[in-house]
Structure formats: C-alpha cells, structure tokens
Amino acid sequence: METKDIVNLAISVMSALVALYAVFIARAAVNAQRHAQSWSTNYELLAKANEILAANPDLLQLHGIDPDEFSKHGVSALEVVYVNHHLDAGGALHKISGEKKVQLTEYRRQFLLNPKVRVIWKNFLRERLFKATPYSVAIDEFIAEIESNESGCSE
C-alpha cells in the first residue's frame, strides 16, 4: 500500500467518524427540541385547565384541596388559584431551562415575601400540586430563610 492510499484511507475514516459524530449531534438536538416542545404543549394545555380552575375554584377539590379551609388561613380561592398559576409559571421556566440548581428570580423572591403567598404554598400547594423538584426545593429554602429572619427579628 502506497502513502497516497494510506492518506486516502485515513481521510475516508476521518470523514466517516465526523459524519457519525454529526449524526449523534443531530439526534441529540432533535431530542432536546422534542423535549422542549412537549413541555410547551403541556403548559399550553395546563393553561387551559387553569382557566377553567380560575373560573371554578371548587375544582381544587380534585387535587385534595378543600376550599372550606381557605378562610381558616385567611386566603381566598382566587388567591390560591393565582398563586398556583404564578408559581407554576416559574416551575415551567426552570424545568425547560434544565437547571439543576435553581436560583429564584428577584420577581419570584419578592412574590414569596408576601405572607399570604407563603401560607398558600405551605398549606395548599406544596404537597398537593408541586412535586419535589429543584424549583420547589428553592422555594422551600427561600421561605425557610425568610421565616428564620422574621423569627430572629422578633426576639
């Protein structure tokens, strides 16, 4: 085998490897796009369900949330629905981004400073509508920080 043949063979092998690598990259890109599209579609449909929920807060019972409990905690059904939508939107943002460690936006942090929002999260939403994710953990940690600071100020 001549040097020319060896060079041609090496170029052919390298071309095949590059083509194979390109196939893997394209497949990964298609999978990532499919994943993002499925989340987008899911949230579009969830938005429609949330519109129905906003119009009929009694549907929260389907999630194990008793609307009769709202007044005991000083909140309304509309507030519970609104806080759910608001925090769910944040969950979508972080899920689609694929972040492993979530940093709450300043907007969410300000929202969570409201005592009613924290009451709604802890008593109605956290265990019933949000599974354990980096996002829900970040909310829990921020609320614990707020409440720790509040209890430290009152001493």
C-alpha atoms as a PDB file:
ATOM      1  CA  MET A   1       0.000   0.000   0.000  1.00  0.00           C
ATOM      2  CA  GLU A   2       1.378   3.355  -1.041  1.00  0.00           C
ATOM      3  CA  THR A   3       1.449   6.505   1.067  1.00  0.00           C
ATOM      4  CA  LYS A   4      -1.206   8.015  -1.191  1.00  0.00           C
ATOM      5  CA  ASP A   5      -3.543   5.079  -0.454  1.00  0.00           C
ATOM      6  CA  ILE A   6      -2.903   5.322   3.298  1.00  0.00           C
ATOM      7  CA  VAL A   7      -3.683   9.058   3.253  1.00  0.00           C
ATOM      8  CA  ASN A   8      -6.889   8.440   1.278  1.00  0.00           C
ATOM      9  CA  LEU A   9      -7.898   5.689   3.708  1.00  0.00           C
ATOM     10  CA  ALA A  10      -7.172   7.928   6.715  1.00  0.00           C
ATOM     11  CA  ILE A  11      -9.212  10.752   5.176  1.00  0.00           C
ATOM     12  CA  SER A  12     -12.073   8.354   4.451  1.00  0.00           C
ATOM     13  CA  VAL A  13     -12.034   7.026   8.032  1.00  0.00           C
ATOM     14  CA  MET A  14     -11.895  10.554   9.457  1.00  0.00           C
ATOM     15  CA  SER A  15     -14.787  11.607   7.192  1.00  0.00           C
ATOM     16  CA  ALA A  16     -16.848   8.641   8.363  1.00  0.00           C
ATOM     17  CA  LEU A  17     -16.132   9.458  12.026  1.00  0.00           C
ATOM     18  CA  VAL A  18     -17.073  13.121  11.536  1.00  0.00           C
ATOM     19  CA  ALA A  19     -20.289  12.077   9.787  1.00  0.00           C
ATOM     20  CA  LEU A  20     -21.108   9.674  12.609  1.00  0.00           C
ATOM     21  CA  TYR A  21     -20.442  12.401  15.182  1.00  0.00           C
ATOM     22  CA  ALA A  22     -22.732  14.759  13.226  1.00  0.00           C
ATOM     23  CA  VAL A  23     -25.498  12.136  13.339  1.00  0.00           C
ATOM     24  CA  PHE A  24     -25.195  11.906  17.138  1.00  0.00           C
ATOM     25  CA  ILE A  25     -25.249  15.699  17.500  1.00  0.00           C
ATOM     26  CA  ALA A  26     -28.291  15.995  15.224  1.00  0.00           C
ATOM     27  CA  ARG A  27     -30.090  13.263  17.147  1.00  0.00           C
ATOM     28  CA  ALA A  28     -29.383  14.994  20.459  1.00  0.00           C
ATOM     29  CA  ALA A  29     -30.668  18.287  19.037  1.00  0.00           C
ATOM     30  CA  VAL A  30     -33.868  16.632  17.812  1.00  0.00           C
ATOM     31  CA  ASN A  31     -34.400  15.004  21.213  1.00  0.00           C
ATOM     32  CA  ALA A  32     -33.835  18.307  23.004  1.00  0.00           C
ATOM     33  CA  GLN A  33     -36.285  20.044  20.676  1.00  0.00           C
ATOM     34  CA  ARG A  34     -38.851  17.292  21.171  1.00  0.00           C
ATOM     35  CA  HIS A  35     -38.479  17.586  24.943  1.00  0.00           C
ATOM     36  CA  ALA A  36     -38.916  21.379  24.842  1.00  0.00           C
ATOM     37  CA  GLN A  37     -41.914  21.053  22.537  1.00  0.00           C
ATOM     38  CA  SER A  38     -43.563  18.502  24.807  1.00  0.00           C
ATOM     39  CA  TRP A  39     -43.173  20.848  27.788  1.00  0.00           C
ATOM     40  CA  SER A  40     -44.500  23.747  25.752  1.00  0.00           C
ATOM     41  CA  THR A  41     -47.536  21.741  24.674  1.00  0.00           C
ATOM     42  CA  ASN A  42     -48.079  20.513  28.221  1.00  0.00           C
ATOM     43  CA  TYR A  43     -48.072  24.053  29.583  1.00  0.00           C
ATOM     44  CA  GLU A  44     -50.401  25.297  26.846  1.00  0.00           C
ATOM     45  CA  LEU A  45     -52.907  22.621  27.822  1.00  0.00           C
ATOM     46  CA  LEU A  46     -52.299  23.279  31.503  1.00  0.00           C
ATOM     47  CA  ALA A  47     -53.028  26.969  30.895  1.00  0.00           C
ATOM     48  CA  LYS A  48     -56.428  25.988  29.512  1.00  0.00           C
ATOM     49  CA  ALA A  49     -57.092  23.824  32.559  1.00  0.00           C
ATOM     50  CA  ASN A  50     -56.010  26.720  34.778  1.00  0.00           C
ATOM     51  CA  GLU A  51     -58.521  28.999  33.059  1.00  0.00           C
ATOM     52  CA  ILE A  52     -61.250  26.542  33.997  1.00  0.00           C
ATOM     53  CA  LEU A  53     -59.850  26.329  37.521  1.00  0.00           C
ATOM     54  CA  ALA A  54     -59.830  30.122  37.850  1.00  0.00           C
ATOM     55  CA  ALA A  55     -63.493  30.221  36.852  1.00  0.00           C
ATOM     56  CA  ASN A  56     -64.367  27.272  39.141  1.00  0.00           C
ATOM     57  CA  PRO A  57     -62.085  27.209  42.217  1.00  0.00           C
ATOM     58  CA  ASP A  58     -64.118  24.354  43.694  1.00  0.00           C
ATOM     59  CA  LEU A  59     -62.242  22.149  41.228  1.00  0.00           C
ATOM     60  CA  LEU A  60     -59.295  22.395  43.626  1.00  0.00           C
ATOM     61  CA  GLN A  61     -61.048  19.573  45.465  1.00  0.00           C
ATOM     62  CA  LEU A  62     -59.892  17.295  42.664  1.00  0.00           C
ATOM     63  CA  HIS A  63     -56.354  17.989  43.891  1.00  0.00           C
ATOM     64  CA  GLY A  64     -57.212  17.270  47.514  1.00  0.00           C
ATOM     65  CA  ILE A  65     -57.580  20.935  48.414  1.00  0.00           C
ATOM     66  CA  ASP A  66     -60.662  21.757  50.475  1.00  0.00           C
ATOM     67  CA  PRO A  67     -61.887  25.287  49.647  1.00  0.00           C
ATOM     68  CA  ASP A  68     -63.563  25.405  53.075  1.00  0.00           C
ATOM     69  CA  GLU A  69     -60.045  25.533  54.578  1.00  0.00           C
ATOM     70  CA  PHE A  70     -59.181  28.825  52.853  1.00  0.00           C
ATOM     71  CA  SER A  71     -60.932  31.087  55.350  1.00  0.00           C
ATOM     72  CA  LYS A  72     -59.160  29.337  58.246  1.00  0.00           C
ATOM     73  CA  HIS A  73     -55.875  30.517  56.738  1.00  0.00           C
ATOM     74  CA  GLY A  74     -57.103  33.987  55.742  1.00  0.00           C
ATOM     75  CA  VAL A  75     -56.937  33.404  51.995  1.00  0.00           C
ATOM     76  CA  SER A  76     -59.471  33.228  49.202  1.00  0.00           C
ATOM     77  CA  ALA A  77     -59.975  30.633  46.466  1.00  0.00           C
ATOM     78  CA  LEU A  78     -58.978  33.210  43.856  1.00  0.00           C
ATOM     79  CA  GLU A  79     -55.721  33.898  45.711  1.00  0.00           C
ATOM     80  CA  VAL A  80     -54.917  30.187  45.853  1.00  0.00           C
ATOM     81  CA  VAL A  81     -55.562  29.806  42.129  1.00  0.00           C
ATOM     82  CA  TYR A  82     -53.486  32.905  41.321  1.00  0.00           C
ATOM     83  CA  VAL A  83     -50.523  31.830  43.478  1.00  0.00           C
ATOM     84  CA  ASN A  84     -50.676  28.378  41.904  1.00  0.00           C
ATOM     85  CA  HIS A  85     -50.540  29.854  38.387  1.00  0.00           C
ATOM     86  CA  HIS A  86     -47.769  32.230  39.333  1.00  0.00           C
ATOM     87  CA  LEU A  87     -45.547  29.572  40.895  1.00  0.00           C
ATOM     88  CA  ASP A  88     -46.374  27.047  38.194  1.00  0.00           C
ATOM     89  CA  ALA A  89     -45.112  29.513  35.590  1.00  0.00           C
ATOM     90  CA  GLY A  90     -41.842  29.732  37.499  1.00  0.00           C
ATOM     91  CA  GLY A  91     -41.624  25.961  37.565  1.00  0.00           C
ATOM     92  CA  ALA A  92     -42.036  25.833  33.797  1.00  0.00           C
ATOM     93  CA  LEU A  93     -39.286  28.407  33.340  1.00  0.00           C
ATOM     94  CA  HIS A  94     -36.816  26.383  35.365  1.00  0.00           C
ATOM     95  CA  LYS A  95     -37.883  22.977  34.013  1.00  0.00           C
ATOM     96  CA  ILE A  96     -37.474  23.992  30.395  1.00  0.00           C
ATOM     97  CA  SER A  97     -34.112  25.621  31.114  1.00  0.00           C
ATOM     98  CA  GLY A  98     -32.898  22.293  32.544  1.00  0.00           C
ATOM     99  CA  GLU A  99     -31.173  23.917  35.504  1.00  0.00           C
ATOM    100  CA  LYS A 100     -30.026  21.504  38.189  1.00  0.00           C
ATOM    101  CA  LYS A 101     -29.616  24.223  40.842  1.00  0.00           C
ATOM    102  CA  VAL A 102     -32.394  26.785  40.731  1.00  0.00           C
ATOM    103  CA  GLN A 103     -31.865  30.431  41.568  1.00  0.00           C
ATOM    104  CA  LEU A 104     -35.229  32.095  42.096  1.00  0.00           C
ATOM    105  CA  THR A 105     -35.665  35.280  40.112  1.00  0.00           C
ATOM    106  CA  GLU A 106     -35.929  38.542  42.010  1.00  0.00           C
ATOM    107  CA  TYR A 107     -39.544  38.729  40.854  1.00  0.00           C
ATOM    108  CA  ARG A 108     -40.361  35.354  42.467  1.00  0.00           C
ATOM    109  CA  ARG A 109     -38.431  36.218  45.610  1.00  0.00           C
ATOM    110  CA  GLN A 110     -40.444  39.422  46.002  1.00  0.00           C
ATOM    111  CA  PHE A 111     -43.651  37.476  45.452  1.00  0.00           C
ATOM    112  CA  LEU A 112     -42.679  34.961  48.154  1.00  0.00           C
ATOM    113  CA  LEU A 113     -42.087  37.760  50.658  1.00  0.00           C
ATOM    114  CA  ASN A 114     -45.861  38.116  50.909  1.00  0.00           C
ATOM    115  CA  PRO A 115     -47.069  36.162  53.961  1.00  0.00           C
ATOM    116  CA  LYS A 116     -50.259  35.042  52.164  1.00  0.00           C
ATOM    117  CA  VAL A 117     -48.220  33.551  49.329  1.00  0.00           C
ATOM    118  CA  ARG A 118     -46.186  31.546  51.835  1.00  0.00           C
ATOM    119  CA  VAL A 119     -49.325  30.362  53.652  1.00  0.00           C
ATOM    120  CA  ILE A 120     -50.835  29.225  50.359  1.00  0.00           C
ATOM    121  CA  TRP A 121     -47.618  27.463  49.310  1.00  0.00           C
ATOM    122  CA  LYS A 122     -47.168  25.607  52.580  1.00  0.00           C
ATOM    123  CA  ASN A 123     -50.800  24.729  53.306  1.00  0.00           C
ATOM    124  CA  PHE A 124     -52.322  24.102  49.886  1.00  0.00           C
ATOM    125  CA  LEU A 125     -49.857  23.847  47.027  1.00  0.00           C
ATOM    126  CA  ARG A 126     -46.536  22.339  48.081  1.00  0.00           C
ATOM    127  CA  GLU A 127     -47.638  18.810  48.851  1.00  0.00           C
ATOM    128  CA  ARG A 128     -50.604  18.615  46.503  1.00  0.00           C
ATOM    129  CA  LEU A 129     -49.654  20.336  43.262  1.00  0.00           C
ATOM    130  CA  PHE A 130     -45.841  20.536  43.224  1.00  0.00           C
ATOM    131  CA  LYS A 131     -43.613  17.502  43.364  1.00  0.00           C
ATOM    132  CA  ALA A 132     -40.085  17.640  44.748  1.00  0.00           C
ATOM    133  CA  THR A 133     -38.002  19.428  42.132  1.00  0.00           C
ATOM    134  CA  PRO A 134     -35.048  21.799  42.345  1.00  0.00           C
ATOM    135  CA  TYR A 135     -37.588  24.608  41.890  1.00  0.00           C
ATOM    136  CA  SER A 136     -39.841  23.572  44.788  1.00  0.00           C
ATOM    137  CA  VAL A 137     -36.782  22.996  46.968  1.00  0.00           C
ATOM    138  CA  ALA A 138     -35.566  26.525  46.133  1.00  0.00           C
ATOM    139  CA  ILE A 139     -38.968  27.909  47.165  1.00  0.00           C
ATOM    140  CA  ASP A 140     -38.905  25.925  50.408  1.00  0.00           C
ATOM    141  CA  GLU A 141     -35.370  27.112  51.184  1.00  0.00           C
ATOM    142  CA  PHE A 142     -36.220  30.753  50.463  1.00  0.00           C
ATOM    143  CA  ILE A 143     -39.344  30.593  52.637  1.00  0.00           C
ATOM    144  CA  ALA A 144     -37.325  28.995  55.461  1.00  0.00           C
ATOM    145  CA  GLU A 145     -34.771  31.808  55.135  1.00  0.00           C
ATOM    146  CA  ILE A 146     -37.492  34.485  55.241  1.00  0.00           C
ATOM    147  CA  GLU A 147     -39.230  32.962  58.225  1.00  0.00           C
ATOM    148  CA  SER A 148     -35.949  32.397  60.052  1.00  0.00           C
ATOM    149  CA  ASN A 149     -35.095  36.073  59.572  1.00  0.00           C
ATOM    150  CA  GLU A 150     -38.582  37.098  60.689  1.00  0.00           C
ATOM    151  CA  SER A 151     -38.396  34.996  63.847  1.00  0.00           C
ATOM    152  CA  GLY A 152     -34.893  36.328  64.537  1.00  0.00           C
ATOM    153  CA  CYS A 153     -36.151  39.902  64.300  1.00  0.00           C
ATOM    154  CA  SER A 154     -38.961  39.329  66.780  1.00  0.00           C
ATOM    155  CA  GLU A 155     -36.678  38.158  69.595  1.00  0.00           C
END
